[in-house]
């Protein structure tokens, strides 16, 4: 929503994400090869991001719920609450920051789609 003196209102919602298109992949665990992918985030359409939570069979249900809540908190912070004029561009920037490496949830950008 654009209006005089108003910021665009961003949102994210659960939906399928096309992994062959540019997207973010969110991981948990030790930074690097052992990190486990837990969600995909599509480039926004309008002011809405599609987010697909991935199945993680190696995690028990209570750990999966805890991780999903942590991921939801990060999604809400970076894509909605932070108030960036272009949260997609900011999320790409965030992928290269130290805070991304040391966070429980790690973001990676795949500009050409699948790895």
PDB file of N, CA and C in Angstrom:
ATOM      1  N   UNK A   1       0.858  -1.173   0.000  1.00  0.00           N
ATOM      2  CA  UNK A   1       0.000   0.000   0.000  1.00  0.00           C
ATOM      3  C   UNK A   1       0.900   1.230   0.000  1.00  0.00           C
ATOM      4  N   UNK A   2       0.727   2.075  -0.965  1.00  0.00           N
ATOM      5  CA  UNK A   2       1.492   3.317  -1.031  1.00  0.00           C
ATOM      6  C   UNK A   2       0.562   4.478  -0.778  1.00  0.00           C
ATOM      7  N   UNK A   3       0.993   5.399  -0.018  1.00  0.00           N
ATOM      8  CA  UNK A   3       0.230   6.608   0.226  1.00  0.00           C
ATOM      9  C   UNK A   3       1.196   7.684   0.648  1.00  0.00           C
ATOM     10  N   UNK A   4       0.760   8.877   0.615  1.00  0.00           N
ATOM     11  CA  UNK A   4       1.636   9.982   0.999  1.00  0.00           C
ATOM     12  C   UNK A   4       2.089   9.786   2.444  1.00  0.00           C
ATOM     13  N   UNK A   5       3.405   9.695   2.630  1.00  0.00           N
ATOM     14  CA  UNK A   5       3.946   9.540   3.975  1.00  0.00           C
ATOM     15  C   UNK A   5       3.817   8.134   4.536  1.00  0.00           C
ATOM     16  N   UNK A   6       3.327   7.182   3.746  1.00  0.00           N
ATOM     17  CA  UNK A   6       3.182   5.812   4.234  1.00  0.00           C
ATOM     18  C   UNK A   6       4.245   4.925   3.621  1.00  0.00           C
ATOM     19  N   UNK A   7       4.688   3.949   4.376  1.00  0.00           N
ATOM     20  CA  UNK A   7       5.605   2.951   3.855  1.00  0.00           C
ATOM     21  C   UNK A   7       4.790   1.814   3.240  1.00  0.00           C
ATOM     22  N   UNK A   8       5.406   1.098   2.310  1.00  0.00           N
ATOM     23  CA  UNK A   8       4.767  -0.097   1.771  1.00  0.00           C
ATOM     24  C   UNK A   8       4.606  -1.103   2.900  1.00  0.00           C
ATOM     25  N   UNK A   9       3.469  -1.716   2.977  1.00  0.00           N
ATOM     26  CA  UNK A   9       3.235  -2.745   3.986  1.00  0.00           C
ATOM     27  C   UNK A   9       3.579  -4.104   3.368  1.00  0.00           C
ATOM     28  N   UNK A  10       4.615  -4.708   3.905  1.00  0.00           N
ATOM     29  CA  UNK A  10       5.085  -5.995   3.410  1.00  0.00           C
ATOM     30  C   UNK A  10       4.493  -7.119   4.244  1.00  0.00           C
ATOM     31  N   UNK A  11       4.411  -8.296   3.647  1.00  0.00           N
ATOM     32  CA  UNK A  11       3.925  -9.478   4.358  1.00  0.00           C
ATOM     33  C   UNK A  11       4.601 -10.712   3.782  1.00  0.00           C
ATOM     34  N   UNK A  12       4.538 -11.786   4.543  1.00  0.00           N
ATOM     35  CA  UNK A  12       4.938 -13.085   4.009  1.00  0.00           C
ATOM     36  C   UNK A  12       3.835 -14.066   4.347  1.00  0.00           C
ATOM     37  N   UNK A  13       3.707 -15.076   3.507  1.00  0.00           N
ATOM     38  CA  UNK A  13       2.686 -16.104   3.731  1.00  0.00           C
ATOM     39  C   UNK A  13       3.206 -17.439   3.230  1.00  0.00           C
ATOM     40  N   UNK A  14       2.708 -18.497   3.835  1.00  0.00           N
ATOM     41  CA  UNK A  14       3.124 -19.836   3.417  1.00  0.00           C
ATOM     42  C   UNK A  14       2.525 -20.161   2.057  1.00  0.00           C
ATOM     43  N   UNK A  15       3.388 -20.613   1.152  1.00  0.00           N
ATOM     44  CA  UNK A  15       2.983 -20.974  -0.200  1.00  0.00           C
ATOM     45  C   UNK A  15       4.136 -21.745  -0.834  1.00  0.00           C
ATOM     46  N   UNK A  16       3.915 -22.327  -1.985  1.00  0.00           N
ATOM     47  CA  UNK A  16       4.970 -23.026  -2.714  1.00  0.00           C
ATOM     48  C   UNK A  16       5.946 -22.007  -3.276  1.00  0.00           C
ATOM     49  N   UNK A  17       7.231 -22.379  -3.331  1.00  0.00           N
ATOM     50  CA  UNK A  17       8.271 -21.535  -3.898  1.00  0.00           C
ATOM     51  C   UNK A  17       8.931 -22.309  -5.037  1.00  0.00           C
ATOM     52  N   UNK A  18       9.071 -21.659  -6.175  1.00  0.00           N
ATOM     53  CA  UNK A  18       9.724 -22.253  -7.336  1.00  0.00           C
ATOM     54  C   UNK A  18      11.236 -22.167  -7.136  1.00  0.00           C
ATOM     55  N   UNK A  19      11.849 -23.301  -6.844  1.00  0.00           N
ATOM     56  CA  UNK A  19      13.281 -23.331  -6.597  1.00  0.00           C
ATOM     57  C   UNK A  19      14.134 -23.073  -7.823  1.00  0.00           C
ATOM     58  N   UNK A  20      13.521 -23.037  -9.012  1.00  0.00           N
ATOM     59  CA  UNK A  20      14.294 -22.747 -10.221  1.00  0.00           C
ATOM     60  C   UNK A  20      14.346 -21.247 -10.501  1.00  0.00           C
ATOM     61  N   UNK A  21      13.602 -20.456  -9.726  1.00  0.00           N
ATOM     62  CA  UNK A  21      13.625 -18.992  -9.839  1.00  0.00           C
ATOM     63  C   UNK A  21      14.480 -18.424  -8.711  1.00  0.00           C
ATOM     64  N   UNK A  22      14.891 -17.150  -8.811  1.00  0.00           N
ATOM     65  CA  UNK A  22      15.664 -16.560  -7.715  1.00  0.00           C
ATOM     66  C   UNK A  22      14.920 -16.703  -6.381  1.00  0.00           C
ATOM     67  N   UNK A  23      15.658 -17.129  -5.351  1.00  0.00           N
ATOM     68  CA  UNK A  23      15.044 -17.326  -4.038  1.00  0.00           C
ATOM     69  C   UNK A  23      16.106 -17.294  -2.951  1.00  0.00           C
ATOM     70  N   UNK A  24      15.639 -17.214  -1.722  1.00  0.00           N
ATOM     71  CA  UNK A  24      16.490 -17.354  -0.539  1.00  0.00           C
ATOM     72  C   UNK A  24      16.225 -18.740   0.033  1.00  0.00           C
ATOM     73  N   UNK A  25      17.258 -19.303   0.624  1.00  0.00           N
ATOM     74  CA  UNK A  25      17.096 -20.559   1.348  1.00  0.00           C
ATOM     75  C   UNK A  25      17.577 -20.290   2.763  1.00  0.00           C
ATOM     76  N   UNK A  26      16.759 -20.658   3.743  1.00  0.00           N
ATOM     77  CA  UNK A  26      17.110 -20.457   5.146  1.00  0.00           C
ATOM     78  C   UNK A  26      17.529 -21.790   5.751  1.00  0.00           C
ATOM     79  N   UNK A  27      18.631 -21.742   6.505  1.00  0.00           N
ATOM     80  CA  UNK A  27      19.232 -22.933   7.094  1.00  0.00           C
ATOM     81  C   UNK A  27      19.348 -22.768   8.605  1.00  0.00           C
ATOM     82  N   UNK A  28      19.439 -23.892   9.306  1.00  0.00           N
ATOM     83  CA  UNK A  28      19.786 -23.880  10.732  1.00  0.00           C
ATOM     84  C   UNK A  28      20.949 -24.834  10.929  1.00  0.00           C
ATOM     85  N   UNK A  29      21.622 -24.658  12.043  1.00  0.00           N
ATOM     86  CA  UNK A  29      22.763 -25.513  12.343  1.00  0.00           C
ATOM     87  C   UNK A  29      24.058 -24.777  12.093  1.00  0.00           C
ATOM     88  N   UNK A  30      25.140 -25.496  12.206  1.00  0.00           N
ATOM     89  CA  UNK A  30      26.471 -24.929  12.024  1.00  0.00           C
ATOM     90  C   UNK A  30      26.591 -24.334  10.624  1.00  0.00           C
ATOM     91  N   UNK A  31      27.154 -23.126  10.520  1.00  0.00           N
ATOM     92  CA  UNK A  31      27.329 -22.456   9.227  1.00  0.00           C
ATOM     93  C   UNK A  31      28.186 -23.339   8.324  1.00  0.00           C
ATOM     94  N   UNK A  32      27.757 -23.523   7.091  1.00  0.00           N
ATOM     95  CA  UNK A  32      28.539 -24.298   6.128  1.00  0.00           C
ATOM     96  C   UNK A  32      27.801 -25.538   5.677  1.00  0.00           C
ATOM     97  N   UNK A  33      28.565 -26.556   5.358  1.00  0.00           N
ATOM     98  CA  UNK A  33      28.021 -27.771   4.747  1.00  0.00           C
ATOM     99  C   UNK A  33      27.036 -28.524   5.631  1.00  0.00           C
ATOM    100  N   UNK A  34      27.186 -28.434   6.951  1.00  0.00           N
ATOM    101  CA  UNK A  34      26.309 -29.216   7.831  1.00  0.00           C
ATOM    102  C   UNK A  34      24.985 -28.511   8.150  1.00  0.00           C
ATOM    103  N   UNK A  35      24.818 -27.274   7.669  1.00  0.00           N
ATOM    104  CA  UNK A  35      23.560 -26.561   7.917  1.00  0.00           C
ATOM    105  C   UNK A  35      22.411 -27.272   7.196  1.00  0.00           C
ATOM    106  N   UNK A  36      21.255 -27.298   7.836  1.00  0.00           N
ATOM    107  CA  UNK A  36      20.079 -28.002   7.318  1.00  0.00           C
ATOM    108  C   UNK A  36      19.093 -26.980   6.735  1.00  0.00           C
ATOM    109  N   UNK A  37      18.696 -27.148   5.453  1.00  0.00           N
ATOM    110  CA  UNK A  37      17.717 -26.218   4.881  1.00  0.00           C
ATOM    111  C   UNK A  37      16.339 -26.414   5.511  1.00  0.00           C
ATOM    112  N   UNK A  38      15.688 -25.295   5.879  1.00  0.00           N
ATOM    113  CA  UNK A  38      14.389 -25.386   6.541  1.00  0.00           C
ATOM    114  C   UNK A  38      13.290 -24.580   5.850  1.00  0.00           C
ATOM    115  N   UNK A  39      13.663 -23.622   4.971  1.00  0.00           N
ATOM    116  CA  UNK A  39      12.629 -22.819   4.316  1.00  0.00           C
ATOM    117  C   UNK A  39      13.182 -22.181   3.045  1.00  0.00           C
ATOM    118  N   UNK A  40      12.272 -21.913   2.117  1.00  0.00           N
ATOM    119  CA  UNK A  40      12.570 -21.171   0.894  1.00  0.00           C
ATOM    120  C   UNK A  40      11.746 -19.897   0.917  1.00  0.00           C
ATOM    121  N   UNK A  41      12.317 -18.815   0.380  1.00  0.00           N
ATOM    122  CA  UNK A  41      11.613 -17.535   0.291  1.00  0.00           C
ATOM    123  C   UNK A  41      11.710 -17.059  -1.145  1.00  0.00           C
ATOM    124  N   UNK A  42      10.557 -16.802  -1.765  1.00  0.00           N
ATOM    125  CA  UNK A  42      10.533 -16.322  -3.144  1.00  0.00           C
ATOM    126  C   UNK A  42      10.648 -14.812  -3.191  1.00  0.00           C
ATOM    127  N   UNK A  43      11.175 -14.316  -4.312  1.00  0.00           N
ATOM    128  CA  UNK A  43      11.191 -12.881  -4.570  1.00  0.00           C
ATOM    129  C   UNK A  43       9.746 -12.404  -4.470  1.00  0.00           C
ATOM    130  N   UNK A  44       9.508 -11.242  -3.891  1.00  0.00           N
ATOM    131  CA  UNK A  44       8.112 -10.839  -3.662  1.00  0.00           C
ATOM    132  C   UNK A  44       7.344 -10.577  -4.951  1.00  0.00           C
ATOM    133  N   UNK A  45       6.065 -10.847  -4.875  1.00  0.00           N
ATOM    134  CA  UNK A  45       5.124 -10.455  -5.917  1.00  0.00           C
ATOM    135  C   UNK A  45       4.274  -9.374  -5.267  1.00  0.00           C
ATOM    136  N   UNK A  46       4.340  -8.171  -5.834  1.00  0.00           N
ATOM    137  CA  UNK A  46       3.704  -7.038  -5.171  1.00  0.00           C
ATOM    138  C   UNK A  46       4.429  -6.798  -3.861  1.00  0.00           C
ATOM    139  N   UNK A  47       3.711  -6.854  -2.775  1.00  0.00           N
ATOM    140  CA  UNK A  47       4.314  -6.635  -1.455  1.00  0.00           C
ATOM    141  C   UNK A  47       4.263  -7.895  -0.596  1.00  0.00           C
ATOM    142  N   UNK A  48       4.195  -9.063  -1.244  1.00  0.00           N
ATOM    143  CA  UNK A  48       4.035 -10.310  -0.502  1.00  0.00           C
ATOM    144  C   UNK A  48       5.109 -11.332  -0.888  1.00  0.00           C
ATOM    145  N   UNK A  49       5.726 -11.926   0.131  1.00  0.00           N
ATOM    146  CA  UNK A  49       6.721 -12.971  -0.057  1.00  0.00           C
ATOM    147  C   UNK A  49       6.071 -14.328   0.163  1.00  0.00           C
ATOM    148  N   UNK A  50       6.290 -15.268  -0.742  1.00  0.00           N
ATOM    149  CA  UNK A  50       5.879 -16.654  -0.518  1.00  0.00           C
ATOM    150  C   UNK A  50       6.999 -17.343   0.244  1.00  0.00           C
ATOM    151  N   UNK A  51       6.629 -18.104   1.269  1.00  0.00           N
ATOM    152  CA  UNK A  51       7.593 -18.848   2.080  1.00  0.00           C
ATOM    153  C   UNK A  51       7.142 -20.296   2.134  1.00  0.00           C
ATOM    154  N   UNK A  52       8.054 -21.203   1.794  1.00  0.00           N
ATOM    155  CA  UNK A  52       7.762 -22.634   1.861  1.00  0.00           C
ATOM    156  C   UNK A  52       8.642 -23.263   2.932  1.00  0.00           C
ATOM    157  N   UNK A  53       8.008 -23.833   3.955  1.00  0.00           N
ATOM    158  CA  UNK A  53       8.747 -24.542   4.993  1.00  0.00           C
ATOM    159  C   UNK A  53       9.014 -25.957   4.502  1.00  0.00           C
ATOM    160  N   UNK A  54      10.249 -26.385   4.639  1.00  0.00           N
ATOM    161  CA  UNK A  54      10.665 -27.696   4.141  1.00  0.00           C
ATOM    162  C   UNK A  54      10.531 -28.753   5.226  1.00  0.00           C
ATOM    163  N   UNK A  55      10.311 -29.986   4.794  1.00  0.00           N
ATOM    164  CA  UNK A  55      10.291 -31.095   5.751  1.00  0.00           C
ATOM    165  C   UNK A  55      11.722 -31.388   6.165  1.00  0.00           C
ATOM    166  N   UNK A  56      11.900 -31.637   7.448  1.00  0.00           N
ATOM    167  CA  UNK A  56      13.227 -31.945   7.972  1.00  0.00           C
ATOM    168  C   UNK A  56      13.108 -33.217   8.803  1.00  0.00           C
ATOM    169  N   UNK A  57      13.130 -34.375   8.127  1.00  0.00           N
ATOM    170  CA  UNK A  57      12.874 -35.635   8.831  1.00  0.00           C
ATOM    171  C   UNK A  57      13.882 -35.968   9.925  1.00  0.00           C
ATOM    172  N   UNK A  58      15.107 -35.402   9.847  1.00  0.00           N
ATOM    173  CA  UNK A  58      16.108 -35.721  10.869  1.00  0.00           C
ATOM    174  C   UNK A  58      15.868 -35.013  12.202  1.00  0.00           C
ATOM    175  N   UNK A  59      14.892 -34.102  12.246  1.00  0.00           N
ATOM    176  CA  UNK A  59      14.570 -33.397  13.493  1.00  0.00           C
ATOM    177  C   UNK A  59      13.309 -33.981  14.117  1.00  0.00           C
ATOM    178  N   UNK A  60      13.306 -34.103  15.448  1.00  0.00           N
ATOM    179  CA  UNK A  60      12.065 -34.540  16.082  1.00  0.00           C
ATOM    180  C   UNK A  60      11.068 -33.376  16.056  1.00  0.00           C
ATOM    181  N   UNK A  61       9.817 -33.682  16.268  1.00  0.00           N
ATOM    182  CA  UNK A  61       8.739 -32.711  16.088  1.00  0.00           C
ATOM    183  C   UNK A  61       8.902 -31.469  16.967  1.00  0.00           C
ATOM    184  N   UNK A  62       9.279 -31.647  18.227  1.00  0.00           N
ATOM    185  CA  UNK A  62       9.396 -30.482  19.109  1.00  0.00           C
ATOM    186  C   UNK A  62      10.544 -29.565  18.667  1.00  0.00           C
ATOM    187  N   UNK A  63      11.647 -30.146  18.192  1.00  0.00           N
ATOM    188  CA  UNK A  63      12.772 -29.336  17.700  1.00  0.00           C
ATOM    189  C   UNK A  63      12.365 -28.622  16.406  1.00  0.00           C
ATOM    190  N   UNK A  64      11.620 -29.314  15.544  1.00  0.00           N
ATOM    191  CA  UNK A  64      11.154 -28.694  14.301  1.00  0.00           C
ATOM    192  C   UNK A  64      10.249 -27.493  14.605  1.00  0.00           C
ATOM    193  N   UNK A  65       9.350 -27.636  15.560  1.00  0.00           N
ATOM    194  CA  UNK A  65       8.448 -26.533  15.931  1.00  0.00           C
ATOM    195  C   UNK A  65       9.262 -25.357  16.465  1.00  0.00           C
ATOM    196  N   UNK A  66      10.259 -25.616  17.310  1.00  0.00           N
ATOM    197  CA  UNK A  66      11.104 -24.558  17.848  1.00  0.00           C
ATOM    198  C   UNK A  66      11.842 -23.833  16.717  1.00  0.00           C
ATOM    199  N   UNK A  67      12.404 -24.589  15.790  1.00  0.00           N
ATOM    200  CA  UNK A  67      13.139 -23.997  14.667  1.00  0.00           C
ATOM    201  C   UNK A  67      12.200 -23.214  13.762  1.00  0.00           C
ATOM    202  N   UNK A  68      11.027 -23.772  13.481  1.00  0.00           N
ATOM    203  CA  UNK A  68      10.073 -23.064  12.622  1.00  0.00           C
ATOM    204  C   UNK A  68       9.689 -21.719  13.245  1.00  0.00           C
ATOM    205  N   UNK A  69       9.498 -21.690  14.555  1.00  0.00           N
ATOM    206  CA  UNK A  69       9.184 -20.423  15.232  1.00  0.00           C
ATOM    207  C   UNK A  69      10.337 -19.430  15.110  1.00  0.00           C
ATOM    208  N   UNK A  70      11.576 -19.914  15.230  1.00  0.00           N
ATOM    209  CA  UNK A  70      12.746 -19.041  15.080  1.00  0.00           C
ATOM    210  C   UNK A  70      12.818 -18.490  13.652  1.00  0.00           C
ATOM    211  N   UNK A  71      12.529 -19.326  12.669  1.00  0.00           N
ATOM    212  CA  UNK A  71      12.538 -18.892  11.267  1.00  0.00           C
ATOM    213  C   UNK A  71      11.422 -17.878  11.028  1.00  0.00           C
ATOM    214  N   UNK A  72      10.246 -18.132  11.560  1.00  0.00           N
ATOM    215  CA  UNK A  72       9.122 -17.204  11.396  1.00  0.00           C
ATOM    216  C   UNK A  72       9.461 -15.838  12.006  1.00  0.00           C
ATOM    217  N   UNK A  73      10.134 -15.847  13.148  1.00  0.00           N
ATOM    218  CA  UNK A  73      10.537 -14.601  13.797  1.00  0.00           C
ATOM    219  C   UNK A  73      11.503 -13.821  12.898  1.00  0.00           C
ATOM    220  N   UNK A  74      12.481 -14.514  12.311  1.00  0.00           N
ATOM    221  CA  UNK A  74      13.433 -13.856  11.400  1.00  0.00           C
ATOM    222  C   UNK A  74      12.728 -13.321  10.153  1.00  0.00           C
ATOM    223  N   UNK A  75      11.848 -14.119   9.566  1.00  0.00           N
ATOM    224  CA  UNK A  75      11.110 -13.677   8.380  1.00  0.00           C
ATOM    225  C   UNK A  75      10.339 -12.396   8.677  1.00  0.00           C
ATOM    226  N   UNK A  76       9.647 -12.398   9.793  1.00  0.00           N
ATOM    227  CA  UNK A  76       8.851 -11.233  10.178  1.00  0.00           C
ATOM    228  C   UNK A  76       9.750 -10.024  10.421  1.00  0.00           C
ATOM    229  N   UNK A  77      10.873 -10.238  11.101  1.00  0.00           N
ATOM    230  CA  UNK A  77      11.766  -9.113  11.381  1.00  0.00           C
ATOM    231  C   UNK A  77      12.346  -8.530  10.091  1.00  0.00           C
ATOM    232  N   UNK A  78      13.008  -9.359   9.286  1.00  0.00           N
ATOM    233  CA  UNK A  78      13.719  -8.844   8.113  1.00  0.00           C
ATOM    234  C   UNK A  78      12.802  -8.417   6.970  1.00  0.00           C
ATOM    235  N   UNK A  79      11.687  -9.114   6.779  1.00  0.00           N
ATOM    236  CA  UNK A  79      10.843  -8.814   5.620  1.00  0.00           C
ATOM    237  C   UNK A  79       9.697  -7.857   5.920  1.00  0.00           C
ATOM    238  N   UNK A  80       9.301  -7.734   7.198  1.00  0.00           N
ATOM    239  CA  UNK A  80       8.125  -6.929   7.537  1.00  0.00           C
ATOM    240  C   UNK A  80       8.466  -5.785   8.493  1.00  0.00           C
ATOM    241  N   UNK A  81       8.993  -6.123   9.666  1.00  0.00           N
ATOM    242  CA  UNK A  81       9.143  -5.143  10.745  1.00  0.00           C
ATOM    243  C   UNK A  81      10.319  -4.186  10.583  1.00  0.00           C
ATOM    244  N   UNK A  82      11.372  -4.614   9.913  1.00  0.00           N
ATOM    245  CA  UNK A  82      12.574  -3.783   9.821  1.00  0.00           C
ATOM    246  C   UNK A  82      12.303  -2.465   9.100  1.00  0.00           C
ATOM    247  N   UNK A  83      11.304  -2.452   8.244  1.00  0.00           N
ATOM    248  CA  UNK A  83      10.903  -1.206   7.595  1.00  0.00           C
ATOM    249  C   UNK A  83      11.774  -0.792   6.430  1.00  0.00           C
ATOM    250  N   UNK A  84      12.496  -1.728   5.851  1.00  0.00           N
ATOM    251  CA  UNK A  84      13.310  -1.417   4.678  1.00  0.00           C
ATOM    252  C   UNK A  84      12.414  -1.092   3.489  1.00  0.00           C
ATOM    253  N   UNK A  85      12.796  -0.109   2.653  1.00  0.00           N
ATOM    254  CA  UNK A  85      11.983   0.201   1.476  1.00  0.00           C
ATOM    255  C   UNK A  85      11.955  -0.961   0.490  1.00  0.00           C
ATOM    256  N   UNK A  86      13.030  -1.765   0.441  1.00  0.00           N
ATOM    257  CA  UNK A  86      13.085  -2.937  -0.430  1.00  0.00           C
ATOM    258  C   UNK A  86      13.633  -4.105   0.386  1.00  0.00           C
ATOM    259  N   UNK A  87      12.746  -4.825   1.100  1.00  0.00           N
ATOM    260  CA  UNK A  87      13.230  -5.899   1.978  1.00  0.00           C
ATOM    261  C   UNK A  87      13.936  -7.028   1.227  1.00  0.00           C
ATOM    262  N   UNK A  88      13.604  -7.253  -0.029  1.00  0.00           N
ATOM    263  CA  UNK A  88      14.281  -8.293  -0.818  1.00  0.00           C
ATOM    264  C   UNK A  88      15.751  -7.911  -0.989  1.00  0.00           C
ATOM    265  N   UNK A  89      15.987  -6.678  -1.375  1.00  0.00           N
ATOM    266  CA  UNK A  89      17.360  -6.191  -1.550  1.00  0.00           C
ATOM    267  C   UNK A  89      18.107  -6.253  -0.210  1.00  0.00           C
ATOM    268  N   UNK A  90      17.431  -5.892   0.875  1.00  0.00           N
ATOM    269  CA  UNK A  90      18.074  -5.946   2.181  1.00  0.00           C
ATOM    270  C   UNK A  90      18.399  -7.396   2.565  1.00  0.00           C
ATOM    271  N   UNK A  91      17.488  -8.323   2.274  1.00  0.00           N
ATOM    272  CA  UNK A  91      17.727  -9.735   2.602  1.00  0.00           C
ATOM    273  C   UNK A  91      18.942 -10.264   1.834  1.00  0.00           C
ATOM    274  N   UNK A  92      19.105  -9.831   0.581  1.00  0.00           N
ATOM    275  CA  UNK A  92      20.289 -10.226  -0.198  1.00  0.00           C
ATOM    276  C   UNK A  92      21.546  -9.694   0.498  1.00  0.00           C
ATOM    277  N   UNK A  93      21.515  -8.449   0.917  1.00  0.00           N
ATOM    278  CA  UNK A  93      22.635  -7.850   1.652  1.00  0.00           C
ATOM    279  C   UNK A  93      22.899  -8.638   2.944  1.00  0.00           C
ATOM    280  N   UNK A  94      21.843  -8.963   3.675  1.00  0.00           N
ATOM    281  CA  UNK A  94      21.963  -9.666   4.958  1.00  0.00           C
ATOM    282  C   UNK A  94      22.687 -11.008   4.792  1.00  0.00           C
ATOM    283  N   UNK A  95      22.524 -11.653   3.648  1.00  0.00           N
ATOM    284  CA  UNK A  95      23.188 -12.944   3.409  1.00  0.00           C
ATOM    285  C   UNK A  95      24.701 -12.854   3.580  1.00  0.00           C
ATOM    286  N   UNK A  96      25.285 -11.689   3.336  1.00  0.00           N
ATOM    287  CA  UNK A  96      26.731 -11.526   3.425  1.00  0.00           C
ATOM    288  C   UNK A  96      27.224 -10.895   4.713  1.00  0.00           C
ATOM    289  N   UNK A  97      26.363 -10.762   5.701  1.00  0.00           N
ATOM    290  CA  UNK A  97      26.770 -10.100   6.940  1.00  0.00           C
ATOM    291  C   UNK A  97      27.251 -11.097   7.997  1.00  0.00           C
ATOM    292  N   UNK A  98      28.034 -10.585   8.939  1.00  0.00           N
ATOM    293  CA  UNK A  98      28.498 -11.412  10.057  1.00  0.00           C
ATOM    294  C   UNK A  98      27.318 -11.883  10.908  1.00  0.00           C
ATOM    295  N   UNK A  99      26.307 -11.019  11.062  1.00  0.00           N
ATOM    296  CA  UNK A  99      25.157 -11.419  11.883  1.00  0.00           C
ATOM    297  C   UNK A  99      24.458 -12.635  11.284  1.00  0.00           C
ATOM    298  N   UNK A 100      24.494 -12.789   9.977  1.00  0.00           N
ATOM    299  CA  UNK A 100      23.903 -13.968   9.338  1.00  0.00           C
ATOM    300  C   UNK A 100      24.694 -15.225   9.688  1.00  0.00           C
ATOM    301  N   UNK A 101      25.999 -15.105   9.731  1.00  0.00           N
ATOM    302  CA  UNK A 101      26.843 -16.265  10.044  1.00  0.00           C
ATOM    303  C   UNK A 101      26.630 -16.716  11.485  1.00  0.00           C
ATOM    304  N   UNK A 102      26.519 -15.751  12.406  1.00  0.00           N
ATOM    305  CA  UNK A 102      26.439 -16.089  13.825  1.00  0.00           C
ATOM    306  C   UNK A 102      25.025 -16.312  14.339  1.00  0.00           C
ATOM    307  N   UNK A 103      24.024 -16.065  13.509  1.00  0.00           N
ATOM    308  CA  UNK A 103      22.628 -16.272  13.893  1.00  0.00           C
ATOM    309  C   UNK A 103      22.292 -17.764  13.895  1.00  0.00           C
ATOM    310  N   UNK A 104      21.220 -18.110  14.574  1.00  0.00           N
ATOM    311  CA  UNK A 104      20.742 -19.503  14.534  1.00  0.00           C
ATOM    312  C   UNK A 104      20.190 -19.840  13.153  1.00  0.00           C
ATOM    313  N   UNK A 105      19.610 -18.838  12.483  1.00  0.00           N
ATOM    314  CA  UNK A 105      19.035 -19.013  11.144  1.00  0.00           C
ATOM    315  C   UNK A 105      19.961 -18.315  10.149  1.00  0.00           C
ATOM    316  N   UNK A 106      20.382 -19.061   9.128  1.00  0.00           N
ATOM    317  CA  UNK A 106      21.300 -18.529   8.116  1.00  0.00           C
ATOM    318  C   UNK A 106      20.567 -18.382   6.783  1.00  0.00           C
ATOM    319  N   UNK A 107      20.740 -17.221   6.148  1.00  0.00           N
ATOM    320  CA  UNK A 107      20.110 -16.930   4.866  1.00  0.00           C
ATOM    321  C   UNK A 107      21.141 -17.070   3.752  1.00  0.00           C
ATOM    322  N   UNK A 108      20.751 -17.698   2.627  1.00  0.00           N
ATOM    323  CA  UNK A 108      21.585 -17.733   1.430  1.00  0.00           C
ATOM    324  C   UNK A 108      20.723 -17.360   0.240  1.00  0.00           C
ATOM    325  N   UNK A 109      21.321 -16.625  -0.674  1.00  0.00           N
ATOM    326  CA  UNK A 109      20.614 -16.160  -1.871  1.00  0.00           C
ATOM    327  C   UNK A 109      21.031 -17.007  -3.065  1.00  0.00           C
ATOM    328  N   UNK A 110      20.044 -17.442  -3.835  1.00  0.00           N
ATOM    329  CA  UNK A 110      20.273 -18.206  -5.047  1.00  0.00           C
ATOM    330  C   UNK A 110      19.684 -17.419  -6.223  1.00  0.00           C
ATOM    331  N   UNK A 111      20.491 -16.510  -6.807  1.00  0.00           N
ATOM    332  CA  UNK A 111      19.971 -15.609  -7.852  1.00  0.00           C
ATOM    333  C   UNK A 111      19.553 -16.343  -9.117  1.00  0.00           C
ATOM    334  N   UNK A 112      20.181 -17.496  -9.394  1.00  0.00           N
ATOM    335  CA  UNK A 112      19.831 -18.243 -10.596  1.00  0.00           C
ATOM    336  C   UNK A 112      18.939 -19.428 -10.320  1.00  0.00           C
ATOM    337  N   UNK A 113      18.347 -19.440  -9.155  1.00  0.00           N
ATOM    338  CA  UNK A 113      17.495 -20.577  -8.799  1.00  0.00           C
ATOM    339  C   UNK A 113      18.303 -21.662  -8.118  1.00  0.00           C
ATOM    340  N   UNK A 114      17.984 -22.905  -8.439  1.00  0.00           N
ATOM    341  CA  UNK A 114      18.568 -24.056  -7.749  1.00  0.00           C
ATOM    342  C   UNK A 114      20.085 -24.036  -7.744  1.00  0.00           C
ATOM    343  N   UNK A 115      20.616 -24.637  -6.682  1.00  0.00           N
ATOM    344  CA  UNK A 115      22.082 -24.666  -6.492  1.00  0.00           C
ATOM    345  C   UNK A 115      22.753 -25.352  -7.660  1.00  0.00           C
TER     346      UNK A 115
END
